[in-house]
Amino acid sequence: LSDLAPETTYEVALIPESNVHYFPP
């Protein structure tokens, strides 16, 4: 991930969009 602001805390969530199983974010 680029073009971010300096000295900033980012909250990041990865959400697996599976058509087989449910994976929690």
PDB file of all heavy atoms in Angstrom:
ATOM      1  N   LEU A   1       0.871  -1.182   0.000  1.00  0.00           N
ATOM      2  CA  LEU A   1       0.000   0.000   0.000  1.00  0.00           C
ATOM      3  C   LEU A   1       0.901   1.223   0.000  1.00  0.00           C
ATOM      4  O   LEU A   1       1.810   1.320   0.819  1.00  0.00           O
ATOM      5  CB  LEU A   1      -0.889   0.028   1.243  1.00  0.00           C
ATOM      6  CG  LEU A   1      -1.888  -1.116   1.379  1.00  0.00           C
ATOM      7  CD1 LEU A   1      -2.745  -0.915   2.612  1.00  0.00           C
ATOM      8  CD2 LEU A   1      -2.772  -1.200   0.148  1.00  0.00           C
ATOM      9  N   SER A   2       0.655   2.169  -0.922  1.00  0.00           N
ATOM     10  CA  SER A   2       1.501   3.366  -0.975  1.00  0.00           C
ATOM     11  C   SER A   2       0.633   4.618  -0.987  1.00  0.00           C
ATOM     12  O   SER A   2      -0.587   4.537  -0.861  1.00  0.00           O
ATOM     13  CB  SER A   2       2.422   3.298  -2.196  1.00  0.00           C
ATOM     14  OG  SER A   2       1.656   3.079  -3.351  1.00  0.00           O
ATOM     15  N   ASP A   3       1.278   5.766  -1.151  1.00  0.00           N
ATOM     16  CA  ASP A   3       0.590   7.079  -1.090  1.00  0.00           C
ATOM     17  C   ASP A   3      -0.097   7.276   0.256  1.00  0.00           C
ATOM     18  O   ASP A   3      -1.216   7.794   0.318  1.00  0.00           O
ATOM     19  CB  ASP A   3      -0.483   7.203  -2.190  1.00  0.00           C
ATOM     20  CG  ASP A   3       0.144   7.217  -3.565  1.00  0.00           C
ATOM     21  OD1 ASP A   3       1.285   7.704  -3.663  1.00  0.00           O
ATOM     22  OD2 ASP A   3      -0.493   6.754  -4.509  1.00  0.00           O
ATOM     23  N   LEU A   4       0.566   6.858   1.327  1.00  0.00           N
ATOM     24  CA  LEU A   4      -0.029   7.007   2.652  1.00  0.00           C
ATOM     25  C   LEU A   4       0.513   8.264   3.324  1.00  0.00           C
ATOM     26  O   LEU A   4       1.522   8.814   2.905  1.00  0.00           O
ATOM     27  CB  LEU A   4       0.309   5.773   3.501  1.00  0.00           C
ATOM     28  CG  LEU A   4      -0.079   4.434   2.863  1.00  0.00           C
ATOM     29  CD1 LEU A   4       0.412   3.284   3.723  1.00  0.00           C
ATOM     30  CD2 LEU A   4      -1.581   4.337   2.663  1.00  0.00           C
ATOM     31  N   ALA A   5      -0.165   8.700   4.369  1.00  0.00           N
ATOM     32  CA  ALA A   5       0.278   9.879   5.113  1.00  0.00           C
ATOM     33  C   ALA A   5       1.326   9.459   6.147  1.00  0.00           C
ATOM     34  O   ALA A   5       1.210   8.389   6.737  1.00  0.00           O
ATOM     35  CB  ALA A   5      -0.912  10.521   5.807  1.00  0.00           C
ATOM     36  N   PRO A   6       2.345  10.297   6.385  1.00  0.00           N
ATOM     37  CA  PRO A   6       3.359   9.950   7.395  1.00  0.00           C
ATOM     38  C   PRO A   6       2.798  10.060   8.812  1.00  0.00           C
ATOM     39  O   PRO A   6       1.835  10.779   9.040  1.00  0.00           O
ATOM     40  CB  PRO A   6       4.472  10.983   7.170  1.00  0.00           C
ATOM     41  CG  PRO A   6       3.816  12.121   6.464  1.00  0.00           C
ATOM     42  CD  PRO A   6       2.653  11.558   5.693  1.00  0.00           C
ATOM     43  N   GLU A   7       3.419   9.330   9.721  1.00  0.00           N
ATOM     44  CA  GLU A   7       3.062   9.361  11.151  1.00  0.00           C
ATOM     45  C   GLU A   7       1.561   9.193  11.359  1.00  0.00           C
ATOM     46  O   GLU A   7       0.929   9.937  12.102  1.00  0.00           O
ATOM     47  CB  GLU A   7       3.528  10.673  11.798  1.00  0.00           C
ATOM     48  CG  GLU A   7       4.998  10.697  12.083  1.00  0.00           C
ATOM     49  CD  GLU A   7       5.414  11.882  12.942  1.00  0.00           C
ATOM     50  OE1 GLU A   7       5.638  12.976  12.402  1.00  0.00           O
ATOM     51  OE2 GLU A   7       5.534  11.706  14.168  1.00  0.00           O
ATOM     52  N   THR A   8       0.982   8.232  10.648  1.00  0.00           N
ATOM     53  CA  THR A   8      -0.462   8.001  10.721  1.00  0.00           C
ATOM     54  C   THR A   8      -0.702   6.528  10.994  1.00  0.00           C
ATOM     55  O   THR A   8      -0.025   5.674  10.423  1.00  0.00           O
ATOM     56  CB  THR A   8      -1.123   8.395   9.378  1.00  0.00           C
ATOM     57  OG1 THR A   8      -0.814   9.766   9.117  1.00  0.00           O
ATOM     58  CG2 THR A   8      -2.630   8.224   9.418  1.00  0.00           C
ATOM     59  N   THR A   9      -1.664   6.234  11.881  1.00  0.00           N
ATOM     60  CA  THR A   9      -2.014   4.844  12.161  1.00  0.00           C
ATOM     61  C   THR A   9      -3.177   4.445  11.260  1.00  0.00           C
ATOM     62  O   THR A   9      -4.212   5.115  11.250  1.00  0.00           O
ATOM     63  CB  THR A   9      -2.398   4.671  13.638  1.00  0.00           C
ATOM     64  OG1 THR A   9      -1.263   5.045  14.429  1.00  0.00           O
ATOM     65  CG2 THR A   9      -2.768   3.224  13.943  1.00  0.00           C
ATOM     66  N   TYR A  10      -2.969   3.394  10.487  1.00  0.00           N
ATOM     67  CA  TYR A  10      -4.008   2.898   9.583  1.00  0.00           C
ATOM     68  C   TYR A  10      -4.646   1.644  10.160  1.00  0.00           C
ATOM     69  O   TYR A  10      -3.958   0.770  10.681  1.00  0.00           O
ATOM     70  CB  TYR A  10      -3.411   2.565   8.206  1.00  0.00           C
ATOM     71  CG  TYR A  10      -3.150   3.807   7.388  1.00  0.00           C
ATOM     72  CD1 TYR A  10      -1.970   4.515   7.529  1.00  0.00           C
ATOM     73  CD2 TYR A  10      -4.103   4.284   6.495  1.00  0.00           C
ATOM     74  CE1 TYR A  10      -1.745   5.678   6.796  1.00  0.00           C
ATOM     75  CE2 TYR A  10      -3.890   5.440   5.765  1.00  0.00           C
ATOM     76  CZ  TYR A  10      -2.707   6.134   5.921  1.00  0.00           C
ATOM     77  OH  TYR A  10      -2.507   7.274   5.203  1.00  0.00           O
ATOM     78  N   GLU A  11      -5.973   1.593  10.066  1.00  0.00           N
ATOM     79  CA  GLU A  11      -6.709   0.375  10.406  1.00  0.00           C
ATOM     80  C   GLU A  11      -6.882  -0.381   9.094  1.00  0.00           C
ATOM     81  O   GLU A  11      -7.410   0.170   8.131  1.00  0.00           O
ATOM     82  CB  GLU A  11      -8.101   0.727  10.956  1.00  0.00           C
ATOM     83  CG  GLU A  11      -8.077   1.662  12.142  1.00  0.00           C
ATOM     84  CD  GLU A  11      -7.762   0.949  13.444  1.00  0.00           C
ATOM     85  OE1 GLU A  11      -7.774  -0.312  13.457  1.00  0.00           O
ATOM     86  OE2 GLU A  11      -7.500   1.640  14.435  1.00  0.00           O
ATOM     87  N   VAL A  12      -6.418  -1.622   9.063  1.00  0.00           N
ATOM     88  CA  VAL A  12      -6.447  -2.405   7.832  1.00  0.00           C
ATOM     89  C   VAL A  12      -7.297  -3.654   8.061  1.00  0.00           C
ATOM     90  O   VAL A  12      -7.145  -4.330   9.082  1.00  0.00           O
ATOM     91  CB  VAL A  12      -5.020  -2.838   7.420  1.00  0.00           C
ATOM     92  CG1 VAL A  12      -5.042  -3.600   6.109  1.00  0.00           C
ATOM     93  CG2 VAL A  12      -4.100  -1.622   7.332  1.00  0.00           C
ATOM     94  N   ALA A  13      -8.206  -3.947   7.124  1.00  0.00           N
ATOM     95  CA  ALA A  13      -9.014  -5.168   7.217  1.00  0.00           C
ATOM     96  C   ALA A  13      -8.898  -5.934   5.906  1.00  0.00           C
ATOM     97  O   ALA A  13      -9.031  -5.363   4.819  1.00  0.00           O
ATOM     98  CB  ALA A  13     -10.474  -4.823   7.484  1.00  0.00           C
ATOM     99  N   LEU A  14      -8.611  -7.216   6.025  1.00  0.00           N
ATOM    100  CA  LEU A  14      -8.551  -8.107   4.866  1.00  0.00           C
ATOM    101  C   LEU A  14      -9.759  -9.037   4.961  1.00  0.00           C
ATOM    102  O   LEU A  14      -9.902  -9.770   5.935  1.00  0.00           O
ATOM    103  CB  LEU A  14      -7.251  -8.911   4.899  1.00  0.00           C
ATOM    104  CG  LEU A  14      -7.055  -9.881   3.736  1.00  0.00           C
ATOM    105  CD1 LEU A  14      -6.608  -9.129   2.486  1.00  0.00           C
ATOM    106  CD2 LEU A  14      -6.021 -10.946   4.094  1.00  0.00           C
ATOM    107  N   ILE A  15     -10.623  -8.950   3.954  1.00  0.00           N
ATOM    108  CA  ILE A  15     -11.852  -9.744   3.995  1.00  0.00           C
ATOM    109  C   ILE A  15     -11.787 -10.803   2.897  1.00  0.00           C
ATOM    110  O   ILE A  15     -11.864 -10.474   1.705  1.00  0.00           O
ATOM    111  CB  ILE A  15     -13.083  -8.830   3.798  1.00  0.00           C
ATOM    112  CG1 ILE A  15     -13.082  -7.749   4.893  1.00  0.00           C
ATOM    113  CG2 ILE A  15     -14.377  -9.636   3.836  1.00  0.00           C
ATOM    114  CD1 ILE A  15     -13.658  -6.443   4.449  1.00  0.00           C
ATOM    115  N   PRO A  16     -11.593 -12.073   3.268  1.00  0.00           N
ATOM    116  CA  PRO A  16     -11.559 -13.121   2.243  1.00  0.00           C
ATOM    117  C   PRO A  16     -12.976 -13.356   1.704  1.00  0.00           C
ATOM    118  O   PRO A  16     -13.887 -13.656   2.479  1.00  0.00           O
ATOM    119  CB  PRO A  16     -11.035 -14.346   2.994  1.00  0.00           C
ATOM    120  CG  PRO A  16     -10.495 -13.821   4.302  1.00  0.00           C
ATOM    121  CD  PRO A  16     -11.292 -12.606   4.601  1.00  0.00           C
ATOM    122  N   GLU A  17     -13.170 -13.146   0.415  1.00  0.00           N
ATOM    123  CA  GLU A  17     -14.483 -13.347  -0.220  1.00  0.00           C
ATOM    124  C   GLU A  17     -14.438 -14.712  -0.899  1.00  0.00           C
ATOM    125  O   GLU A  17     -14.143 -14.813  -2.079  1.00  0.00           O
ATOM    126  CB  GLU A  17     -14.754 -12.239  -1.248  1.00  0.00           C
ATOM    127  CG  GLU A  17     -14.577 -10.830  -0.715  1.00  0.00           C
ATOM    128  CD  GLU A  17     -15.781 -10.334   0.080  1.00  0.00           C
ATOM    129  OE1 GLU A  17     -16.756 -11.122   0.237  1.00  0.00           O
ATOM    130  OE2 GLU A  17     -15.748  -9.181   0.536  1.00  0.00           O
ATOM    131  N   SER A  18     -14.718 -15.755  -0.122  1.00  0.00           N
ATOM    132  CA  SER A  18     -14.589 -17.114  -0.642  1.00  0.00           C
ATOM    133  C   SER A  18     -15.948 -17.636  -1.094  1.00  0.00           C
ATOM    134  O   SER A  18     -16.961 -17.359  -0.465  1.00  0.00           O
ATOM    135  CB  SER A  18     -14.027 -18.023   0.455  1.00  0.00           C
ATOM    136  OG  SER A  18     -14.202 -19.375   0.092  1.00  0.00           O
ATOM    137  N   ASN A  19     -15.945 -18.389  -2.173  1.00  0.00           N
ATOM    138  CA  ASN A  19     -17.202 -19.025  -2.580  1.00  0.00           C
ATOM    139  C   ASN A  19     -17.292 -20.458  -2.054  1.00  0.00           C
ATOM    140  O   ASN A  19     -18.176 -21.202  -2.435  1.00  0.00           O
ATOM    141  CB  ASN A  19     -17.368 -18.978  -4.109  1.00  0.00           C
ATOM    142  CG  ASN A  19     -16.127 -19.480  -4.819  1.00  0.00           C
ATOM    143  OD1 ASN A  19     -15.375 -20.282  -4.262  1.00  0.00           O
ATOM    144  ND2 ASN A  19     -15.899 -19.017  -6.032  1.00  0.00           N
ATOM    145  N   VAL A  20     -16.338 -20.824  -1.176  1.00  0.00           N
ATOM    146  CA  VAL A  20     -16.327 -22.187  -0.643  1.00  0.00           C
ATOM    147  C   VAL A  20     -16.555 -22.181   0.872  1.00  0.00           C
ATOM    148  O   VAL A  20     -17.431 -22.851   1.389  1.00  0.00           O
ATOM    149  CB  VAL A  20     -14.986 -22.887  -0.966  1.00  0.00           C
ATOM    150  CG1 VAL A  20     -15.017 -24.330  -0.480  1.00  0.00           C
ATOM    151  CG2 VAL A  20     -14.679 -22.811  -2.451  1.00  0.00           C
ATOM    152  N   HIS A  21     -15.717 -21.410   1.574  1.00  0.00           N
ATOM    153  CA  HIS A  21     -15.793 -21.367   3.046  1.00  0.00           C
ATOM    154  C   HIS A  21     -16.002 -19.943   3.490  1.00  0.00           C
ATOM    155  O   HIS A  21     -15.684 -19.011   2.767  1.00  0.00           O
ATOM    156  CB  HIS A  21     -14.461 -21.817   3.678  1.00  0.00           C
ATOM    157  CG  HIS A  21     -14.112 -23.226   3.371  1.00  0.00           C
ATOM    158  ND1 HIS A  21     -14.752 -24.290   3.941  1.00  0.00           N
ATOM    159  CD2 HIS A  21     -13.170 -23.745   2.548  1.00  0.00           C
ATOM    160  CE1 HIS A  21     -14.224 -25.408   3.477  1.00  0.00           C
ATOM    161  NE2 HIS A  21     -13.266 -25.101   2.622  1.00  0.00           N
ATOM    162  N   TYR A  22     -16.460 -19.805   4.736  1.00  0.00           N
ATOM    163  CA  TYR A  22     -16.471 -18.474   5.338  1.00  0.00           C
ATOM    164  C   TYR A  22     -15.160 -18.295   6.096  1.00  0.00           C
ATOM    165  O   TYR A  22     -14.785 -19.136   6.905  1.00  0.00           O
ATOM    166  CB  TYR A  22     -17.650 -18.314   6.313  1.00  0.00           C
ATOM    167  CG  TYR A  22     -17.498 -17.063   7.158  1.00  0.00           C
ATOM    168  CD1 TYR A  22     -17.733 -15.803   6.589  1.00  0.00           C
ATOM    169  CD2 TYR A  22     -17.090 -17.136   8.482  1.00  0.00           C
ATOM    170  CE1 TYR A  22     -17.564 -14.650   7.342  1.00  0.00           C
ATOM    171  CE2 TYR A  22     -16.926 -15.989   9.239  1.00  0.00           C
ATOM    172  CZ  TYR A  22     -17.159 -14.749   8.656  1.00  0.00           C
ATOM    173  OH  TYR A  22     -16.991 -13.610   9.394  1.00  0.00           O
ATOM    174  N   PHE A  23     -14.467 -17.201   5.803  1.00  0.00           N
ATOM    175  CA  PHE A  23     -13.277 -16.846   6.587  1.00  0.00           C
ATOM    176  C   PHE A  23     -13.551 -15.512   7.267  1.00  0.00           C
ATOM    177  O   PHE A  23     -14.013 -14.582   6.613  1.00  0.00           O
ATOM    178  CB  PHE A  23     -12.053 -16.677   5.677  1.00  0.00           C
ATOM    179  CG  PHE A  23     -11.595 -17.955   5.038  1.00  0.00           C
ATOM    180  CD1 PHE A  23     -11.898 -18.206   3.706  1.00  0.00           C
ATOM    181  CD2 PHE A  23     -10.858 -18.885   5.748  1.00  0.00           C
ATOM    182  CE1 PHE A  23     -11.469 -19.375   3.105  1.00  0.00           C
ATOM    183  CE2 PHE A  23     -10.419 -20.059   5.144  1.00  0.00           C
ATOM    184  CZ  PHE A  23     -10.726 -20.301   3.824  1.00  0.00           C
ATOM    185  N   PRO A  24     -13.287 -15.428   8.563  1.00  0.00           N
ATOM    186  CA  PRO A  24     -13.501 -14.124   9.221  1.00  0.00           C
ATOM    187  C   PRO A  24     -12.499 -13.104   8.688  1.00  0.00           C
ATOM    188  O   PRO A  24     -11.393 -13.469   8.298  1.00  0.00           O
ATOM    189  CB  PRO A  24     -13.245 -14.420  10.700  1.00  0.00           C
ATOM    190  CG  PRO A  24     -12.446 -15.670  10.741  1.00  0.00           C
ATOM    191  CD  PRO A  24     -12.765 -16.444   9.487  1.00  0.00           C
ATOM    192  N   PRO A  25     -12.881 -11.841   8.672  1.00  0.00           N
ATOM    193  CA  PRO A  25     -11.926 -10.810   8.261  1.00  0.00           C
ATOM    194  C   PRO A  25     -10.721 -10.795   9.190  1.00  0.00           C
ATOM    195  O   PRO A  25     -10.851 -11.106  10.372  1.00  0.00           O
ATOM    196  CB  PRO A  25     -12.711  -9.505   8.391  1.00  0.00           C
ATOM    197  CG  PRO A  25     -14.147  -9.906   8.463  1.00  0.00           C
ATOM    198  CD  PRO A  25     -14.187 -11.282   9.026  1.00  0.00           C
TER     199      PRO A  25
END
